[in-house]
Amino acid sequence: MKFIYNFRENISSIDEEIYTVYGIETWMLKQDKYYLVDYIPDVFFEYERAKKFVDLCNSLKISPIHLMDLIEDEFS
């Protein structure tokens, strides 16, 4: 099975302030079709940081089981 990571832009509000935040999607390729298997909302505030993280996950072919650990490591 092959997994692909992507980020999704969301608009969020905190105390009446509007923010753009980015969540991480995990897609699975099975029989030439992609299926969304996980979505972690509101991970990054910066577009470039979200893009860099997703690009790294894809280039290293990270297993989804490690995704939360990688996100935690990103902010520690």
PDB file of N, CA and C in Angstrom:
ATOM      1  N   MET A   1       0.829  -1.185   0.000  1.00  0.00           N
ATOM      2  CA  MET A   1       0.000   0.000   0.000  1.00  0.00           C
ATOM      3  C   MET A   1       0.876   1.252   0.000  1.00  0.00           C
ATOM      4  N   LYS A   2       0.415   2.230  -0.704  1.00  0.00           N
ATOM      5  CA  LYS A   2       1.140   3.499  -0.776  1.00  0.00           C
ATOM      6  C   LYS A   2       0.304   4.575  -0.105  1.00  0.00           C
ATOM      7  N   PHE A   3       0.982   5.437   0.665  1.00  0.00           N
ATOM      8  CA  PHE A   3       0.316   6.541   1.331  1.00  0.00           C
ATOM      9  C   PHE A   3       0.873   7.859   0.823  1.00  0.00           C
ATOM     10  N   ILE A   4      -0.005   8.820   0.652  1.00  0.00           N
ATOM     11  CA  ILE A   4       0.348  10.164   0.207  1.00  0.00           C
ATOM     12  C   ILE A   4      -0.178  11.141   1.249  1.00  0.00           C
ATOM     13  N   TYR A   5       0.624  12.152   1.541  1.00  0.00           N
ATOM     14  CA  TYR A   5       0.219  13.182   2.500  1.00  0.00           C
ATOM     15  C   TYR A   5      -0.028  14.489   1.773  1.00  0.00           C
ATOM     16  N   ASN A   6      -1.002  15.209   2.256  1.00  0.00           N
ATOM     17  CA  ASN A   6      -1.372  16.498   1.695  1.00  0.00           C
ATOM     18  C   ASN A   6      -1.763  17.399   2.855  1.00  0.00           C
ATOM     19  N   PHE A   7      -1.806  18.684   2.598  1.00  0.00           N
ATOM     20  CA  PHE A   7      -2.310  19.575   3.637  1.00  0.00           C
ATOM     21  C   PHE A   7      -3.552  20.278   3.133  1.00  0.00           C
ATOM     22  N   ARG A   8      -4.412  20.631   4.068  1.00  0.00           N
ATOM     23  CA  ARG A   8      -5.685  21.269   3.737  1.00  0.00           C
ATOM     24  C   ARG A   8      -5.770  22.591   4.494  1.00  0.00           C
ATOM     25  N   GLU A   9      -6.125  23.628   3.772  1.00  0.00           N
ATOM     26  CA  GLU A   9      -6.282  24.952   4.371  1.00  0.00           C
ATOM     27  C   GLU A   9      -7.676  25.086   4.973  1.00  0.00           C
ATOM     28  N   ASN A  10      -7.733  25.605   6.174  1.00  0.00           N
ATOM     29  CA  ASN A  10      -9.001  25.853   6.863  1.00  0.00           C
ATOM     30  C   ASN A  10      -8.993  27.260   7.434  1.00  0.00           C
ATOM     31  N   ILE A  11     -10.153  27.820   7.535  1.00  0.00           N
ATOM     32  CA  ILE A  11     -10.309  29.112   8.201  1.00  0.00           C
ATOM     33  C   ILE A  11     -10.859  28.824   9.588  1.00  0.00           C
ATOM     34  N   SER A  12     -10.214  29.376  10.594  1.00  0.00           N
ATOM     35  CA  SER A  12     -10.609  29.134  11.977  1.00  0.00           C
ATOM     36  C   SER A  12     -10.700  30.473  12.693  1.00  0.00           C
ATOM     37  N   SER A  13     -11.445  30.499  13.774  1.00  0.00           N
ATOM     38  CA  SER A  13     -11.525  31.742  14.547  1.00  0.00           C
ATOM     39  C   SER A  13     -11.306  31.445  16.024  1.00  0.00           C
ATOM     40  N   ILE A  14     -10.563  32.338  16.640  1.00  0.00           N
ATOM     41  CA  ILE A  14     -10.299  32.280  18.072  1.00  0.00           C
ATOM     42  C   ILE A  14     -10.542  33.676  18.619  1.00  0.00           C
ATOM     43  N   ASP A  15     -11.451  33.785  19.581  1.00  0.00           N
ATOM     44  CA  ASP A  15     -11.776  35.088  20.172  1.00  0.00           C
ATOM     45  C   ASP A  15     -12.098  36.134  19.106  1.00  0.00           C
ATOM     46  N   GLU A  16     -12.924  35.754  18.149  1.00  0.00           N
ATOM     47  CA  GLU A  16     -13.388  36.611  17.062  1.00  0.00           C
ATOM     48  C   GLU A  16     -12.288  37.028  16.081  1.00  0.00           C
ATOM     49  N   GLU A  17     -11.091  36.464  16.207  1.00  0.00           N
ATOM     50  CA  GLU A  17     -10.015  36.679  15.240  1.00  0.00           C
ATOM     51  C   GLU A  17     -10.061  35.525  14.235  1.00  0.00           C
ATOM     52  N   ILE A  18      -9.878  35.840  12.958  1.00  0.00           N
ATOM     53  CA  ILE A  18      -9.915  34.833  11.896  1.00  0.00           C
ATOM     54  C   ILE A  18      -8.472  34.456  11.546  1.00  0.00           C
ATOM     55  N   TYR A  19      -8.222  33.144  11.466  1.00  0.00           N
ATOM     56  CA  TYR A  19      -6.899  32.625  11.155  1.00  0.00           C
ATOM     57  C   TYR A  19      -7.002  31.596  10.043  1.00  0.00           C
ATOM     58  N   THR A  20      -5.937  31.483   9.262  1.00  0.00           N
ATOM     59  CA  THR A  20      -5.797  30.392   8.309  1.00  0.00           C
ATOM     60  C   THR A  20      -4.911  29.348   8.970  1.00  0.00           C
ATOM     61  N   VAL A  21      -5.399  28.125   9.018  1.00  0.00           N
ATOM     62  CA  VAL A  21      -4.638  27.021   9.593  1.00  0.00           C
ATOM     63  C   VAL A  21      -4.608  25.869   8.593  1.00  0.00           C
ATOM     64  N   TYR A  22      -3.643  24.982   8.778  1.00  0.00           N
ATOM     65  CA  TYR A  22      -3.446  23.881   7.845  1.00  0.00           C
ATOM     66  C   TYR A  22      -3.463  22.556   8.587  1.00  0.00           C
ATOM     67  N   GLY A  23      -4.272  21.637   8.103  1.00  0.00           N
ATOM     68  CA  GLY A  23      -4.325  20.287   8.638  1.00  0.00           C
ATOM     69  C   GLY A  23      -3.630  19.329   7.693  1.00  0.00           C
ATOM     70  N   ILE A  24      -3.375  18.127   8.186  1.00  0.00           N
ATOM     71  CA  ILE A  24      -2.668  17.117   7.408  1.00  0.00           C
ATOM     72  C   ILE A  24      -3.634  15.984   7.046  1.00  0.00           C
ATOM     73  N   GLU A  25      -3.666  15.656   5.763  1.00  0.00           N
ATOM     74  CA  GLU A  25      -4.475  14.547   5.259  1.00  0.00           C
ATOM     75  C   GLU A  25      -3.565  13.364   4.926  1.00  0.00           C
ATOM     76  N   THR A  26      -4.062  12.167   5.183  1.00  0.00           N
ATOM     77  CA  THR A  26      -3.382  10.941   4.764  1.00  0.00           C
ATOM     78  C   THR A  26      -4.283  10.231   3.762  1.00  0.00           C
ATOM     79  N   TRP A  27      -3.725   9.983   2.586  1.00  0.00           N
ATOM     80  CA  TRP A  27      -4.448   9.293   1.514  1.00  0.00           C
ATOM     81  C   TRP A  27      -3.778   7.955   1.242  1.00  0.00           C
ATOM     82  N   MET A  28      -4.582   6.947   0.970  1.00  0.00           N
ATOM     83  CA  MET A  28      -4.074   5.624   0.653  1.00  0.00           C
ATOM     84  C   MET A  28      -4.405   5.316  -0.807  1.00  0.00           C
ATOM     85  N   LEU A  29      -3.408   4.840  -1.522  1.00  0.00           N
ATOM     86  CA  LEU A  29      -3.606   4.394  -2.900  1.00  0.00           C
ATOM     87  C   LEU A  29      -3.866   2.891  -2.882  1.00  0.00           C
ATOM     88  N   LYS A  30      -5.044   2.535  -3.378  1.00  0.00           N
ATOM     89  CA  LYS A  30      -5.428   1.117  -3.426  1.00  0.00           C
ATOM     90  C   LYS A  30      -6.162   0.875  -4.733  1.00  0.00           C
ATOM     91  N   GLN A  31      -5.644  -0.036  -5.518  1.00  0.00           N
ATOM     92  CA  GLN A  31      -6.227  -0.392  -6.809  1.00  0.00           C
ATOM     93  C   GLN A  31      -6.464   0.854  -7.672  1.00  0.00           C
ATOM     94  N   ASP A  32      -5.435   1.675  -7.794  1.00  0.00           N
ATOM     95  CA  ASP A  32      -5.440   2.871  -8.633  1.00  0.00           C
ATOM     96  C   ASP A  32      -6.459   3.924  -8.209  1.00  0.00           C
ATOM     97  N   LYS A  33      -6.881   3.907  -6.958  1.00  0.00           N
ATOM     98  CA  LYS A  33      -7.816   4.903  -6.452  1.00  0.00           C
ATOM     99  C   LYS A  33      -7.335   5.375  -5.084  1.00  0.00           C
ATOM    100  N   TYR A  34      -7.456   6.686  -4.841  1.00  0.00           N
ATOM    101  CA  TYR A  34      -7.042   7.245  -3.559  1.00  0.00           C
ATOM    102  C   TYR A  34      -8.219   7.333  -2.604  1.00  0.00           C
ATOM    103  N   TYR A  35      -7.948   6.984  -1.342  1.00  0.00           N
ATOM    104  CA  TYR A  35      -8.956   7.046  -0.280  1.00  0.00           C
ATOM    105  C   TYR A  35      -8.396   7.864   0.880  1.00  0.00           C
ATOM    106  N   LEU A  36      -9.188   8.786   1.383  1.00  0.00           N
ATOM    107  CA  LEU A  36      -8.796   9.552   2.560  1.00  0.00           C
ATOM    108  C   LEU A  36      -8.933   8.641   3.772  1.00  0.00           C
ATOM    109  N   VAL A  37      -7.825   8.432   4.488  1.00  0.00           N
ATOM    110  CA  VAL A  37      -7.862   7.530   5.641  1.00  0.00           C
ATOM    111  C   VAL A  37      -7.710   8.260   6.972  1.00  0.00           C
ATOM    112  N   ASP A  38      -7.199   9.485   6.939  1.00  0.00           N
ATOM    113  CA  ASP A  38      -7.045  10.237   8.187  1.00  0.00           C
ATOM    114  C   ASP A  38      -6.935  11.721   7.877  1.00  0.00           C
ATOM    115  N   TYR A  39      -7.385  12.519   8.816  1.00  0.00           N
ATOM    116  CA  TYR A  39      -7.252  13.972   8.706  1.00  0.00           C
ATOM    117  C   TYR A  39      -6.998  14.520  10.100  1.00  0.00           C
ATOM    118  N   ILE A  40      -5.925  15.270  10.241  1.00  0.00           N
ATOM    119  CA  ILE A  40      -5.594  15.913  11.510  1.00  0.00           C
ATOM    120  C   ILE A  40      -5.716  17.414  11.277  1.00  0.00           C
ATOM    121  N   PRO A  41      -6.731  18.048  11.849  1.00  0.00           N
ATOM    122  CA  PRO A  41      -6.958  19.475  11.581  1.00  0.00           C
ATOM    123  C   PRO A  41      -6.034  20.377  12.395  1.00  0.00           C
ATOM    124  N   ASP A  42      -5.876  21.594  11.897  1.00  0.00           N
ATOM    125  CA  ASP A  42      -5.251  22.688  12.654  1.00  0.00           C
ATOM    126  C   ASP A  42      -3.876  22.342  13.218  1.00  0.00           C
ATOM    127  N   VAL A  43      -2.975  21.908  12.356  1.00  0.00           N
ATOM    128  CA  VAL A  43      -1.629  21.548  12.792  1.00  0.00           C
ATOM    129  C   VAL A  43      -0.675  22.734  12.657  1.00  0.00           C
ATOM    130  N   PHE A  44      -0.738  23.440  11.534  1.00  0.00           N
ATOM    131  CA  PHE A  44       0.203  24.530  11.252  1.00  0.00           C
ATOM    132  C   PHE A  44      -0.529  25.843  10.989  1.00  0.00           C
ATOM    133  N   PHE A  45       0.119  26.940  11.360  1.00  0.00           N
ATOM    134  CA  PHE A  45      -0.377  28.267  11.006  1.00  0.00           C
ATOM    135  C   PHE A  45       0.302  28.793   9.741  1.00  0.00           C
ATOM    136  N   GLU A  46       1.469  28.234   9.395  1.00  0.00           N
ATOM    137  CA  GLU A  46       2.239  28.745   8.263  1.00  0.00           C
ATOM    138  C   GLU A  46       2.156  27.793   7.069  1.00  0.00           C
ATOM    139  N   TYR A  47       1.819  28.341   5.911  1.00  0.00           N
ATOM    140  CA  TYR A  47       1.720  27.570   4.671  1.00  0.00           C
ATOM    141  C   TYR A  47       3.035  26.855   4.363  1.00  0.00           C
ATOM    142  N   GLU A  48       4.136  27.569   4.403  1.00  0.00           N
ATOM    143  CA  GLU A  48       5.435  26.989   4.033  1.00  0.00           C
ATOM    144  C   GLU A  48       5.824  25.850   4.961  1.00  0.00           C
ATOM    145  N   ARG A  49       5.521  25.989   6.229  1.00  0.00           N
ATOM    146  CA  ARG A  49       5.860  24.935   7.186  1.00  0.00           C
ATOM    147  C   ARG A  49       5.009  23.686   6.919  1.00  0.00           C
ATOM    148  N   ALA A  50       3.734  23.870   6.620  1.00  0.00           N
ATOM    149  CA  ALA A  50       2.860  22.739   6.297  1.00  0.00           C
ATOM    150  C   ALA A  50       3.337  22.042   5.025  1.00  0.00           C
ATOM    151  N   LYS A  51       3.676  22.828   4.012  1.00  0.00           N
ATOM    152  CA  LYS A  51       4.148  22.266   2.743  1.00  0.00           C
ATOM    153  C   LYS A  51       5.447  21.492   2.940  1.00  0.00           C
ATOM    154  N   LYS A  52       6.374  22.061   3.671  1.00  0.00           N
ATOM    155  CA  LYS A  52       7.659  21.405   3.923  1.00  0.00           C
ATOM    156  C   LYS A  52       7.453  20.086   4.681  1.00  0.00           C
ATOM    157  N   PHE A  53       6.581  20.085   5.661  1.00  0.00           N
ATOM    158  CA  PHE A  53       6.305  18.880   6.451  1.00  0.00           C
ATOM    159  C   PHE A  53       5.717  17.776   5.566  1.00  0.00           C
ATOM    160  N   VAL A  54       4.723  18.121   4.770  1.00  0.00           N
ATOM    161  CA  VAL A  54       4.079  17.148   3.884  1.00  0.00           C
ATOM    162  C   VAL A  54       5.065  16.631   2.836  1.00  0.00           C
ATOM    163  N   ASP A  55       5.857  17.517   2.275  1.00  0.00           N
ATOM    164  CA  ASP A  55       6.860  17.096   1.291  1.00  0.00           C
ATOM    165  C   ASP A  55       7.848  16.102   1.907  1.00  0.00           C
ATOM    166  N   LEU A  56       8.253  16.359   3.146  1.00  0.00           N
ATOM    167  CA  LEU A  56       9.175  15.461   3.830  1.00  0.00           C
ATOM    168  C   LEU A  56       8.528  14.098   4.081  1.00  0.00           C
ATOM    169  N   CYS A  57       7.295  14.099   4.551  1.00  0.00           N
ATOM    170  CA  CYS A  57       6.580  12.828   4.781  1.00  0.00           C
ATOM    171  C   CYS A  57       6.467  12.026   3.496  1.00  0.00           C
ATOM    172  N   ASN A  58       6.158  12.695   2.400  1.00  0.00           N
ATOM    173  CA  ASN A  58       6.030  12.000   1.112  1.00  0.00           C
ATOM    174  C   ASN A  58       7.370  11.492   0.602  1.00  0.00           C
ATOM    175  N   SER A  59       8.409  12.292   0.725  1.00  0.00           N
ATOM    176  CA  SER A  59       9.708  11.869   0.195  1.00  0.00           C
ATOM    177  C   SER A  59      10.300  10.716   1.003  1.00  0.00           C
ATOM    178  N   LEU A  60      10.012  10.685   2.309  1.00  0.00           N
ATOM    179  CA  LEU A  60      10.519   9.604   3.159  1.00  0.00           C
ATOM    180  C   LEU A  60       9.577   8.397   3.211  1.00  0.00           C
ATOM    181  N   LYS A  61       8.412   8.535   2.569  1.00  0.00           N
ATOM    182  CA  LYS A  61       7.412   7.457   2.530  1.00  0.00           C
ATOM    183  C   LYS A  61       7.046   6.995   3.950  1.00  0.00           C
ATOM    184  N   ILE A  62       6.684   7.965   4.768  1.00  0.00           N
ATOM    185  CA  ILE A  62       6.352   7.717   6.167  1.00  0.00           C
ATOM    186  C   ILE A  62       5.085   6.871   6.275  1.00  0.00           C
ATOM    187  N   SER A  63       5.097   5.924   7.174  1.00  0.00           N
ATOM    188  CA  SER A  63       3.900   5.141   7.469  1.00  0.00           C
ATOM    189  C   SER A  63       2.959   5.997   8.324  1.00  0.00           C
ATOM    190  N   PRO A  64       1.655   5.920   8.078  1.00  0.00           N
ATOM    191  CA  PRO A  64       0.703   6.719   8.862  1.00  0.00           C
ATOM    192  C   PRO A  64       0.765   6.461  10.367  1.00  0.00           C
ATOM    193  N   ILE A  65       1.240   5.306  10.741  1.00  0.00           N
ATOM    194  CA  ILE A  65       1.326   4.998  12.165  1.00  0.00           C
ATOM    195  C   ILE A  65       2.294   5.948  12.893  1.00  0.00           C
ATOM    196  N   HIS A  66       3.211   6.550  12.152  1.00  0.00           N
ATOM    197  CA  HIS A  66       4.208   7.445  12.742  1.00  0.00           C
ATOM    198  C   HIS A  66       3.852   8.926  12.621  1.00  0.00           C
ATOM    199  N   LEU A  67       2.760   9.246  11.978  1.00  0.00           N
ATOM    200  CA  LEU A  67       2.439  10.641  11.685  1.00  0.00           C
ATOM    201  C   LEU A  67       2.295  11.500  12.941  1.00  0.00           C
ATOM    202  N   MET A  68       1.570  11.030  13.933  1.00  0.00           N
ATOM    203  CA  MET A  68       1.397  11.832  15.153  1.00  0.00           C
ATOM    204  C   MET A  68       2.731  12.059  15.860  1.00  0.00           C
ATOM    205  N   ASP A  69       3.597  11.054  15.860  1.00  0.00           N
ATOM    206  CA  ASP A  69       4.921  11.232  16.460  1.00  0.00           C
ATOM    207  C   ASP A  69       5.717  12.297  15.726  1.00  0.00           C
ATOM    208  N   LEU A  70       5.629  12.303  14.411  1.00  0.00           N
ATOM    209  CA  LEU A  70       6.352  13.303  13.617  1.00  0.00           C
ATOM    210  C   LEU A  70       5.808  14.710  13.866  1.00  0.00           C
ATOM    211  N   ILE A  71       4.496  14.818  14.000  1.00  0.00           N
ATOM    212  CA  ILE A  71       3.904  16.123  14.297  1.00  0.00           C
ATOM    213  C   ILE A  71       4.365  16.599  15.676  1.00  0.00           C
ATOM    214  N   GLU A  72       4.353  15.718  16.653  1.00  0.00           N
ATOM    215  CA  GLU A  72       4.830  16.076  17.995  1.00  0.00           C
ATOM    216  C   GLU A  72       6.295  16.493  17.950  1.00  0.00           C
ATOM    217  N   ASP A  73       7.113  15.765  17.205  1.00  0.00           N
ATOM    218  CA  ASP A  73       8.540  16.108  17.075  1.00  0.00           C
ATOM    219  C   ASP A  73       8.726  17.475  16.410  1.00  0.00           C
ATOM    220  N   GLU A  74       7.862  17.795  15.481  1.00  0.00           N
ATOM    221  CA  GLU A  74       7.941  19.083  14.768  1.00  0.00           C
ATOM    222  C   GLU A  74       7.796  20.259  15.737  1.00  0.00           C
ATOM    223  N   PHE A  75       7.046  20.072  16.801  1.00  0.00           N
ATOM    224  CA  PHE A  75       6.788  21.166  17.730  1.00  0.00           C
ATOM    225  C   PHE A  75       7.529  21.031  19.057  1.00  0.00           C
ATOM    226  N   SER A  76       8.416  20.052  19.164  1.00  0.00           N
ATOM    227  CA  SER A  76       9.150  19.917  20.424  1.00  0.00           C
ATOM    228  C   SER A  76      10.536  20.519  20.338  1.00  0.00           C
TER     229      SER A  76
END
